[in-house]
């Protein structure tokens, strides 16, 4: 199981690092509807939670492709880390 998790983690990191710069810059569905219906401006600057990596671009990096790759890798590491900790907590609760 550990080998499978490690292999999955490595593949996810590679995808995040190498494919994220090619992501579409077009708005997602909800943003597009807000734009089409004319209320997108009402949401600008009204974030409930301030994102540490806004717009999927890691702050402080000049090259946008590199900044996007770093943001993808950071998100992947955080997600896997969260799931690993959550899995360990759940496995402790289910053991007799």
PDB file of N, CA and C in Angstrom:
ATOM      1  N   UNK A   1       0.821  -1.193   0.000  1.00  0.00           N
ATOM      2  CA  UNK A   1       0.000   0.000   0.000  1.00  0.00           C
ATOM      3  C   UNK A   1       0.870   1.264   0.000  1.00  0.00           C
ATOM      4  N   UNK A   2       1.987   1.217   0.750  1.00  0.00           N
ATOM      5  CA  UNK A   2       2.866   2.387   0.802  1.00  0.00           C
ATOM      6  C   UNK A   2       3.472   2.689  -0.560  1.00  0.00           C
ATOM      7  N   UNK A   3       3.826   1.630  -1.307  1.00  0.00           N
ATOM      8  CA  UNK A   3       4.397   1.832  -2.642  1.00  0.00           C
ATOM      9  C   UNK A   3       3.367   2.463  -3.579  1.00  0.00           C
ATOM     10  N   UNK A   4       2.120   2.017  -3.468  1.00  0.00           N
ATOM     11  CA  UNK A   4       1.061   2.575  -4.301  1.00  0.00           C
ATOM     12  C   UNK A   4       0.823   4.046  -3.968  1.00  0.00           C
ATOM     13  N   UNK A   5       0.803   4.370  -2.688  1.00  0.00           N
ATOM     14  CA  UNK A   5       0.631   5.765  -2.277  1.00  0.00           C
ATOM     15  C   UNK A   5       1.785   6.639  -2.752  1.00  0.00           C
ATOM     16  N   UNK A   6       3.003   6.132  -2.614  1.00  0.00           N
ATOM     17  CA  UNK A   6       4.169   6.893  -3.050  1.00  0.00           C
ATOM     18  C   UNK A   6       4.148   7.100  -4.566  1.00  0.00           C
ATOM     19  N   UNK A   7       3.817   6.042  -5.312  1.00  0.00           N
ATOM     20  CA  UNK A   7       3.746   6.163  -6.767  1.00  0.00           C
ATOM     21  C   UNK A   7       2.658   7.154  -7.174  1.00  0.00           C
ATOM     22  N   UNK A   8       1.523   7.104  -6.503  1.00  0.00           N
ATOM     23  CA  UNK A   8       0.428   8.041  -6.796  1.00  0.00           C
ATOM     24  C   UNK A   8       0.850   9.474  -6.502  1.00  0.00           C
ATOM     25  N   UNK A   9       1.554   9.651  -5.408  1.00  0.00           N
ATOM     26  CA  UNK A   9       2.035  10.980  -5.025  1.00  0.00           C
ATOM     27  C   UNK A   9       3.011  11.524  -6.065  1.00  0.00           C
ATOM     28  N   UNK A  10       3.929  10.702  -6.510  1.00  0.00           N
ATOM     29  CA  UNK A  10       4.918  11.131  -7.506  1.00  0.00           C
ATOM     30  C   UNK A  10       4.225  11.486  -8.823  1.00  0.00           C
ATOM     31  N   UNK A  11       3.274  10.655  -9.258  1.00  0.00           N
ATOM     32  CA  UNK A  11       2.541  10.938 -10.502  1.00  0.00           C
ATOM     33  C   UNK A  11       1.760  12.243 -10.357  1.00  0.00           C
ATOM     34  N   UNK A  12       1.098  12.429  -9.218  1.00  0.00           N
ATOM     35  CA  UNK A  12       0.331  13.660  -8.991  1.00  0.00           C
ATOM     36  C   UNK A  12       1.245  14.885  -9.009  1.00  0.00           C
ATOM     37  N   UNK A  13       2.427  14.764  -8.412  1.00  0.00           N
ATOM     38  CA  UNK A  13       3.388  15.884  -8.433  1.00  0.00           C
ATOM     39  C   UNK A  13       3.836  16.198  -9.856  1.00  0.00           C
ATOM     40  N   UNK A  14       4.117  15.161 -10.625  1.00  0.00           N
ATOM     41  CA  UNK A  14       4.543  15.375 -12.017  1.00  0.00           C
ATOM     42  C   UNK A  14       3.442  16.045 -12.834  1.00  0.00           C
ATOM     43  N   UNK A  15       2.220  15.572 -12.668  1.00  0.00           N
ATOM     44  CA  UNK A  15       1.097  16.179 -13.390  1.00  0.00           C
ATOM     45  C   UNK A  15       0.935  17.641 -12.964  1.00  0.00           C
ATOM     46  N   UNK A  16       0.988  17.892 -11.658  1.00  0.00           N
ATOM     47  CA  UNK A  16       0.831  19.264 -11.162  1.00  0.00           C
ATOM     48  C   UNK A  16       1.937  20.171 -11.683  1.00  0.00           C
ATOM     49  N   UNK A  17       3.158  19.683 -11.678  1.00  0.00           N
ATOM     50  CA  UNK A  17       4.292  20.511 -12.087  1.00  0.00           C
ATOM     51  C   UNK A  17       4.344  20.735 -13.596  1.00  0.00           C
ATOM     52  N   UNK A  18       4.039  19.686 -14.356  1.00  0.00           N
ATOM     53  CA  UNK A  18       4.233  19.770 -15.802  1.00  0.00           C
ATOM     54  C   UNK A  18       2.982  20.171 -16.581  1.00  0.00           C
ATOM     55  N   UNK A  19       1.805  19.878 -16.048  1.00  0.00           N
ATOM     56  CA  UNK A  19       0.580  20.152 -16.798  1.00  0.00           C
ATOM     57  C   UNK A  19      -0.125  21.443 -16.378  1.00  0.00           C
ATOM     58  N   UNK A  20       0.081  21.891 -15.158  1.00  0.00           N
ATOM     59  CA  UNK A  20      -0.655  23.070 -14.687  1.00  0.00           C
ATOM     60  C   UNK A  20      -0.391  24.343 -15.506  1.00  0.00           C
ATOM     61  N   UNK A  21       0.811  24.542 -16.057  1.00  0.00           N
ATOM     62  CA  UNK A  21       0.994  25.749 -16.879  1.00  0.00           C
ATOM     63  C   UNK A  21       0.128  25.760 -18.145  1.00  0.00           C
ATOM     64  N   UNK A  22      -0.406  24.596 -18.520  1.00  0.00           N
ATOM     65  CA  UNK A  22      -1.229  24.516 -19.730  1.00  0.00           C
ATOM     66  C   UNK A  22      -2.725  24.618 -19.431  1.00  0.00           C
ATOM     67  N   UNK A  23      -3.084  24.873 -18.178  1.00  0.00           N
ATOM     68  CA  UNK A  23      -4.490  24.987 -17.799  1.00  0.00           C
ATOM     69  C   UNK A  23      -5.119  26.187 -18.507  1.00  0.00           C
ATOM     70  N   UNK A  24      -6.388  26.097 -18.750  1.00  0.00           N
ATOM     71  CA  UNK A  24      -7.111  27.163 -19.437  1.00  0.00           C
ATOM     72  C   UNK A  24      -7.162  28.431 -18.582  1.00  0.00           C
ATOM     73  N   UNK A  25      -6.988  29.546 -19.226  1.00  0.00           N
ATOM     74  CA  UNK A  25      -7.107  30.818 -18.519  1.00  0.00           C
ATOM     75  C   UNK A  25      -8.537  31.352 -18.584  1.00  0.00           C
ATOM     76  N   UNK A  26      -9.422  30.610 -19.267  1.00  0.00           N
ATOM     77  CA  UNK A  26     -10.827  31.008 -19.360  1.00  0.00           C
ATOM     78  C   UNK A  26     -11.508  30.836 -18.006  1.00  0.00           C
ATOM     79  N   UNK A  27     -12.542  31.624 -17.748  1.00  0.00           N
ATOM     80  CA  UNK A  27     -13.244  31.501 -16.467  1.00  0.00           C
ATOM     81  C   UNK A  27     -13.964  30.159 -16.360  1.00  0.00           C
ATOM     82  N   UNK A  28     -14.119  29.683 -15.113  1.00  0.00           N
ATOM     83  CA  UNK A  28     -14.873  28.447 -14.916  1.00  0.00           C
ATOM     84  C   UNK A  28     -16.358  28.739 -15.108  1.00  0.00           C
ATOM     85  N   UNK A  29     -17.187  27.718 -14.993  1.00  0.00           N
ATOM     86  CA  UNK A  29     -18.615  27.863 -15.271  1.00  0.00           C
ATOM     87  C   UNK A  29     -19.306  28.918 -14.438  1.00  0.00           C
ATOM     88  N   UNK A  30     -19.089  28.889 -13.129  1.00  0.00           N
ATOM     89  CA  UNK A  30     -19.756  29.844 -12.246  1.00  0.00           C
ATOM     90  C   UNK A  30     -19.285  31.270 -12.528  1.00  0.00           C
ATOM     91  N   UNK A  31     -17.994  31.433 -12.739  1.00  0.00           N
ATOM     92  CA  UNK A  31     -17.460  32.759 -13.035  1.00  0.00           C
ATOM     93  C   UNK A  31     -17.993  33.271 -14.380  1.00  0.00           C
ATOM     94  N   UNK A  32     -18.130  32.366 -15.337  1.00  0.00           N
ATOM     95  CA  UNK A  32     -18.639  32.749 -16.658  1.00  0.00           C
ATOM     96  C   UNK A  32     -20.098  33.213 -16.578  1.00  0.00           C
ATOM     97  N   UNK A  33     -20.914  32.500 -15.795  1.00  0.00           N
ATOM     98  CA  UNK A  33     -22.316  32.892 -15.630  1.00  0.00           C
ATOM     99  C   UNK A  33     -22.396  34.269 -14.963  1.00  0.00           C
ATOM    100  N   UNK A  34     -21.579  34.473 -13.934  1.00  0.00           N
ATOM    101  CA  UNK A  34     -21.564  35.771 -13.248  1.00  0.00           C
ATOM    102  C   UNK A  34     -21.146  36.882 -14.211  1.00  0.00           C
ATOM    103  N   UNK A  35     -20.195  36.571 -15.075  1.00  0.00           N
ATOM    104  CA  UNK A  35     -19.737  37.539 -16.073  1.00  0.00           C
ATOM    105  C   UNK A  35     -20.850  37.828 -17.077  1.00  0.00           C
ATOM    106  N   UNK A  36     -21.501  36.766 -17.580  1.00  0.00           N
ATOM    107  CA  UNK A  36     -22.572  36.927 -18.572  1.00  0.00           C
ATOM    108  C   UNK A  36     -23.786  37.665 -18.013  1.00  0.00           C
ATOM    109  N   UNK A  37     -24.099  37.420 -16.743  1.00  0.00           N
ATOM    110  CA  UNK A  37     -25.280  38.041 -16.127  1.00  0.00           C
ATOM    111  C   UNK A  37     -24.972  39.410 -15.526  1.00  0.00           C
ATOM    112  N   UNK A  38     -23.689  39.798 -15.536  1.00  0.00           N
ATOM    113  CA  UNK A  38     -23.314  41.147 -15.123  1.00  0.00           C
ATOM    114  C   UNK A  38     -23.162  41.384 -13.633  1.00  0.00           C
ATOM    115  N   UNK A  39     -22.931  40.326 -12.848  1.00  0.00           N
ATOM    116  CA  UNK A  39     -22.738  40.554 -11.419  1.00  0.00           C
ATOM    117  C   UNK A  39     -21.377  40.077 -10.912  1.00  0.00           C
ATOM    118  N   UNK A  40     -20.457  39.819 -11.803  1.00  0.00           N
ATOM    119  CA  UNK A  40     -19.115  39.390 -11.404  1.00  0.00           C
ATOM    120  C   UNK A  40     -18.424  40.454 -10.564  1.00  0.00           C
ATOM    121  N   UNK A  41     -18.612  41.714 -10.907  1.00  0.00           N
ATOM    122  CA  UNK A  41     -17.958  42.808 -10.181  1.00  0.00           C
ATOM    123  C   UNK A  41     -18.351  42.861  -8.707  1.00  0.00           C
ATOM    124  N   UNK A  42     -19.544  42.360  -8.375  1.00  0.00           N
ATOM    125  CA  UNK A  42     -20.001  42.385  -6.987  1.00  0.00           C
ATOM    126  C   UNK A  42     -19.197  41.439  -6.089  1.00  0.00           C
ATOM    127  N   UNK A  43     -18.609  40.416  -6.672  1.00  0.00           N
ATOM    128  CA  UNK A  43     -17.858  39.427  -5.890  1.00  0.00           C
ATOM    129  C   UNK A  43     -16.376  39.764  -5.790  1.00  0.00           C
ATOM    130  N   UNK A  44     -15.897  40.625  -6.655  1.00  0.00           N
ATOM    131  CA  UNK A  44     -14.474  40.961  -6.643  1.00  0.00           C
ATOM    132  C   UNK A  44     -14.081  41.612  -5.331  1.00  0.00           C
ATOM    133  N   UNK A  45     -13.055  41.066  -4.663  1.00  0.00           N
ATOM    134  CA  UNK A  45     -12.567  41.622  -3.413  1.00  0.00           C
ATOM    135  C   UNK A  45     -13.429  41.270  -2.210  1.00  0.00           C
ATOM    136  N   UNK A  46     -14.401  40.388  -2.378  1.00  0.00           N
ATOM    137  CA  UNK A  46     -15.304  40.007  -1.293  1.00  0.00           C
ATOM    138  C   UNK A  46     -15.054  38.576  -0.817  1.00  0.00           C
ATOM    139  N   UNK A  47     -13.829  38.104  -0.921  1.00  0.00           N
ATOM    140  CA  UNK A  47     -13.520  36.741  -0.546  1.00  0.00           C
ATOM    141  C   UNK A  47     -13.799  36.509   0.940  1.00  0.00           C
ATOM    142  N   UNK A  48     -14.362  35.359   1.244  1.00  0.00           N
ATOM    143  CA  UNK A  48     -14.627  34.997   2.635  1.00  0.00           C
ATOM    144  C   UNK A  48     -13.319  34.601   3.308  1.00  0.00           C
ATOM    145  N   UNK A  49     -12.494  33.873   2.576  1.00  0.00           N
ATOM    146  CA  UNK A  49     -11.185  33.438   3.073  1.00  0.00           C
ATOM    147  C   UNK A  49     -10.125  33.924   2.081  1.00  0.00           C
ATOM    148  N   UNK A  50      -9.095  34.568   2.583  1.00  0.00           N
ATOM    149  CA  UNK A  50      -8.013  35.061   1.728  1.00  0.00           C
ATOM    150  C   UNK A  50      -7.133  33.881   1.306  1.00  0.00           C
ATOM    151  N   UNK A  51      -6.963  33.694   0.028  1.00  0.00           N
ATOM    152  CA  UNK A  51      -6.189  32.572  -0.488  1.00  0.00           C
ATOM    153  C   UNK A  51      -4.681  32.855  -0.396  1.00  0.00           C
ATOM    154  N   UNK A  52      -3.898  31.877   0.080  1.00  0.00           N
ATOM    155  CA  UNK A  52      -2.447  32.070   0.107  1.00  0.00           C
ATOM    156  C   UNK A  52      -1.834  31.985  -1.298  1.00  0.00           C
ATOM    157  N   UNK A  53      -2.565  31.358  -2.228  1.00  0.00           N
ATOM    158  CA  UNK A  53      -2.094  31.233  -3.613  1.00  0.00           C
ATOM    159  C   UNK A  53      -3.238  31.697  -4.524  1.00  0.00           C
ATOM    160  N   UNK A  54      -3.438  33.013  -4.638  1.00  0.00           N
ATOM    161  CA  UNK A  54      -4.562  33.515  -5.425  1.00  0.00           C
ATOM    162  C   UNK A  54      -4.407  33.229  -6.913  1.00  0.00           C
ATOM    163  N   UNK A  55      -5.511  32.871  -7.536  1.00  0.00           N
ATOM    164  CA  UNK A  55      -5.568  32.598  -8.980  1.00  0.00           C
ATOM    165  C   UNK A  55      -4.578  31.522  -9.427  1.00  0.00           C
ATOM    166  N   UNK A  56      -4.256  30.609  -8.546  1.00  0.00           N
ATOM    167  CA  UNK A  56      -3.366  29.477  -8.845  1.00  0.00           C
ATOM    168  C   UNK A  56      -1.985  29.904  -9.334  1.00  0.00           C
ATOM    169  N   UNK A  57      -1.533  31.059  -8.873  1.00  0.00           N
ATOM    170  CA  UNK A  57      -0.194  31.548  -9.214  1.00  0.00           C
ATOM    171  C   UNK A  57       0.533  31.835  -7.905  1.00  0.00           C
ATOM    172  N   UNK A  58       1.640  31.138  -7.678  1.00  0.00           N
ATOM    173  CA  UNK A  58       2.393  31.289  -6.437  1.00  0.00           C
ATOM    174  C   UNK A  58       2.972  32.702  -6.369  1.00  0.00           C
ATOM    175  N   UNK A  59       2.682  33.438  -5.295  1.00  0.00           N
ATOM    176  CA  UNK A  59       3.145  34.826  -5.202  1.00  0.00           C
ATOM    177  C   UNK A  59       4.675  34.938  -5.134  1.00  0.00           C
ATOM    178  N   UNK A  60       5.181  36.006  -5.713  1.00  0.00           N
ATOM    179  CA  UNK A  60       6.607  36.297  -5.632  1.00  0.00           C
ATOM    180  C   UNK A  60       7.435  35.754  -6.780  1.00  0.00           C
ATOM    181  N   UNK A  61       6.840  34.941  -7.630  1.00  0.00           N
ATOM    182  CA  UNK A  61       7.570  34.400  -8.776  1.00  0.00           C
ATOM    183  C   UNK A  61       7.177  35.174 -10.029  1.00  0.00           C
ATOM    184  N   UNK A  62       8.161  35.652 -10.758  1.00  0.00           N
ATOM    185  CA  UNK A  62       7.907  36.494 -11.936  1.00  0.00           C
ATOM    186  C   UNK A  62       7.374  35.689 -13.117  1.00  0.00           C
ATOM    187  N   UNK A  63       7.935  34.491 -13.347  1.00  0.00           N
ATOM    188  CA  UNK A  63       7.526  33.660 -14.476  1.00  0.00           C
ATOM    189  C   UNK A  63       6.196  32.991 -14.139  1.00  0.00           C
ATOM    190  N   UNK A  64       5.148  33.325 -14.909  1.00  0.00           N
ATOM    191  CA  UNK A  64       3.808  32.827 -14.591  1.00  0.00           C
ATOM    192  C   UNK A  64       3.700  31.312 -14.717  1.00  0.00           C
ATOM    193  N   UNK A  65       4.382  30.703 -15.698  1.00  0.00           N
ATOM    194  CA  UNK A  65       4.332  29.252 -15.854  1.00  0.00           C
ATOM    195  C   UNK A  65       4.966  28.551 -14.651  1.00  0.00           C
ATOM    196  N   UNK A  66       6.096  29.075 -14.188  1.00  0.00           N
ATOM    197  CA  UNK A  66       6.761  28.500 -13.010  1.00  0.00           C
ATOM    198  C   UNK A  66       5.902  28.723 -11.766  1.00  0.00           C
ATOM    199  N   UNK A  67       5.317  29.904 -11.640  1.00  0.00           N
ATOM    200  CA  UNK A  67       4.468  30.216 -10.484  1.00  0.00           C
ATOM    201  C   UNK A  67       3.250  29.290 -10.443  1.00  0.00           C
ATOM    202  N   UNK A  68       2.685  28.979 -11.609  1.00  0.00           N
ATOM    203  CA  UNK A  68       1.546  28.068 -11.677  1.00  0.00           C
ATOM    204  C   UNK A  68       1.970  26.648 -11.320  1.00  0.00           C
ATOM    205  N   UNK A  69       3.141  26.225 -11.791  1.00  0.00           N
ATOM    206  CA  UNK A  69       3.656  24.891 -11.456  1.00  0.00           C
ATOM    207  C   UNK A  69       3.895  24.759  -9.956  1.00  0.00           C
ATOM    208  N   UNK A  70       4.499  25.772  -9.367  1.00  0.00           N
ATOM    209  CA  UNK A  70       4.776  25.738  -7.927  1.00  0.00           C
ATOM    210  C   UNK A  70       3.461  25.705  -7.142  1.00  0.00           C
ATOM    211  N   UNK A  71       2.469  26.464  -7.595  1.00  0.00           N
ATOM    212  CA  UNK A  71       1.160  26.440  -6.935  1.00  0.00           C
ATOM    213  C   UNK A  71       0.528  25.057  -7.032  1.00  0.00           C
ATOM    214  N   UNK A  72       0.655  24.419  -8.197  1.00  0.00           N
ATOM    215  CA  UNK A  72       0.121  23.063  -8.370  1.00  0.00           C
ATOM    216  C   UNK A  72       0.806  22.059  -7.468  1.00  0.00           C
ATOM    217  N   UNK A  73       2.120  22.149  -7.371  1.00  0.00           N
ATOM    218  CA  UNK A  73       2.884  21.243  -6.503  1.00  0.00           C
ATOM    219  C   UNK A  73       2.515  21.501  -5.041  1.00  0.00           C
ATOM    220  N   UNK A  74       2.414  22.755  -4.647  1.00  0.00           N
ATOM    221  CA  UNK A  74       2.051  23.082  -3.258  1.00  0.00           C
ATOM    222  C   UNK A  74       0.665  22.538  -2.920  1.00  0.00           C
ATOM    223  N   UNK A  75      -0.279  22.706  -3.823  1.00  0.00           N
ATOM    224  CA  UNK A  75      -1.623  22.186  -3.603  1.00  0.00           C
ATOM    225  C   UNK A  75      -1.641  20.665  -3.506  1.00  0.00           C
ATOM    226  N   UNK A  76      -0.849  20.012  -4.336  1.00  0.00           N
ATOM    227  CA  UNK A  76      -0.764  18.550  -4.308  1.00  0.00           C
ATOM    228  C   UNK A  76      -0.167  18.067  -2.993  1.00  0.00           C
ATOM    229  N   UNK A  77       0.903  18.702  -2.555  1.00  0.00           N
ATOM    230  CA  UNK A  77       1.545  18.322  -1.288  1.00  0.00           C
ATOM    231  C   UNK A  77       0.581  18.529  -0.119  1.00  0.00           C
ATOM    232  N   UNK A  78      -0.108  19.665  -0.099  1.00  0.00           N
ATOM    233  CA  UNK A  78      -1.062  19.935   0.979  1.00  0.00           C
ATOM    234  C   UNK A  78      -2.217  18.935   0.982  1.00  0.00           C
ATOM    235  N   UNK A  79      -2.729  18.618  -0.203  1.00  0.00           N
ATOM    236  CA  UNK A  79      -3.840  17.670  -0.293  1.00  0.00           C
ATOM    237  C   UNK A  79      -3.420  16.280   0.159  1.00  0.00           C
ATOM    238  N   UNK A  80      -2.286  15.792  -0.327  1.00  0.00           N
ATOM    239  CA  UNK A  80      -1.806  14.478   0.091  1.00  0.00           C
ATOM    240  C   UNK A  80      -1.491  14.465   1.584  1.00  0.00           C
ATOM    241  N   UNK A  81      -0.905  15.534   2.086  1.00  0.00           N
ATOM    242  CA  UNK A  81      -0.598  15.612   3.508  1.00  0.00           C
ATOM    243  C   UNK A  81      -1.856  15.548   4.357  1.00  0.00           C
ATOM    244  N   UNK A  82      -2.874  16.306   3.960  1.00  0.00           N
ATOM    245  CA  UNK A  82      -4.140  16.296   4.682  1.00  0.00           C
ATOM    246  C   UNK A  82      -4.756  14.901   4.673  1.00  0.00           C
ATOM    247  N   UNK A  83      -4.775  14.274   3.494  1.00  0.00           N
ATOM    248  CA  UNK A  83      -5.370  12.939   3.391  1.00  0.00           C
ATOM    249  C   UNK A  83      -4.586  11.905   4.183  1.00  0.00           C
ATOM    250  N   UNK A  84      -3.281  12.038   4.220  1.00  0.00           N
ATOM    251  CA  UNK A  84      -2.458  11.112   4.997  1.00  0.00           C
ATOM    252  C   UNK A  84      -2.768  11.244   6.491  1.00  0.00           C
ATOM    253  N   UNK A  85      -2.822  12.471   6.985  1.00  0.00           N
ATOM    254  CA  UNK A  85      -3.133  12.693   8.404  1.00  0.00           C
ATOM    255  C   UNK A  85      -4.549  12.223   8.711  1.00  0.00           C
ATOM    256  N   UNK A  86      -5.494  12.550   7.861  1.00  0.00           N
ATOM    257  CA  UNK A  86      -6.883  12.143   8.054  1.00  0.00           C
ATOM    258  C   UNK A  86      -7.005  10.617   8.048  1.00  0.00           C
ATOM    259  N   UNK A  87      -6.289   9.968   7.136  1.00  0.00           N
ATOM    260  CA  UNK A  87      -6.300   8.508   7.076  1.00  0.00           C
ATOM    261  C   UNK A  87      -5.732   7.878   8.335  1.00  0.00           C
ATOM    262  N   UNK A  88      -4.659   8.439   8.852  1.00  0.00           N
ATOM    263  CA  UNK A  88      -4.065   7.923  10.090  1.00  0.00           C
ATOM    264  C   UNK A  88      -5.017   8.082  11.272  1.00  0.00           C
ATOM    265  N   UNK A  89      -5.704   9.202  11.335  1.00  0.00           N
ATOM    266  CA  UNK A  89      -6.673   9.422  12.412  1.00  0.00           C
ATOM    267  C   UNK A  89      -7.813   8.397  12.310  1.00  0.00           C
ATOM    268  N   UNK A  90      -8.318   8.196  11.116  1.00  0.00           N
ATOM    269  CA  UNK A  90      -9.398   7.236  10.930  1.00  0.00           C
ATOM    270  C   UNK A  90      -8.960   5.801  11.230  1.00  0.00           C
ATOM    271  N   UNK A  91      -7.719   5.459  10.834  1.00  0.00           N
ATOM    272  CA  UNK A  91      -7.260   4.104  11.063  1.00  0.00           C
ATOM    273  C   UNK A  91      -7.057   3.834  12.556  1.00  0.00           C
ATOM    274  N   UNK A  92      -6.680   4.844  13.311  1.00  0.00           N
ATOM    275  CA  UNK A  92      -6.532   4.676  14.772  1.00  0.00           C
ATOM    276  C   UNK A  92      -7.889   4.452  15.432  1.00  0.00           C
ATOM    277  N   UNK A  93      -8.918   5.131  14.921  1.00  0.00           N
ATOM    278  CA  UNK A  93     -10.240   5.002  15.509  1.00  0.00           C
ATOM    279  C   UNK A  93     -10.881   3.639  15.204  1.00  0.00           C
ATOM    280  N   UNK A  94     -10.516   3.036  14.084  1.00  0.00           N
ATOM    281  CA  UNK A  94     -11.152   1.767  13.704  1.00  0.00           C
ATOM    282  C   UNK A  94     -10.413   0.550  14.260  1.00  0.00           C
ATOM    283  N   UNK A  95      -9.194   0.715  14.764  1.00  0.00           N
ATOM    284  CA  UNK A  95      -8.452  -0.416  15.339  1.00  0.00           C
ATOM    285  C   UNK A  95      -9.006  -0.726  16.729  1.00  0.00           C
ATOM    286  N   UNK A  96      -9.145  -2.026  17.044  1.00  0.00           N
ATOM    287  CA  UNK A  96      -9.680  -2.392  18.369  1.00  0.00           C
ATOM    288  C   UNK A  96      -8.699  -2.153  19.490  1.00  0.00           C
TER     289      UNK A  96
END
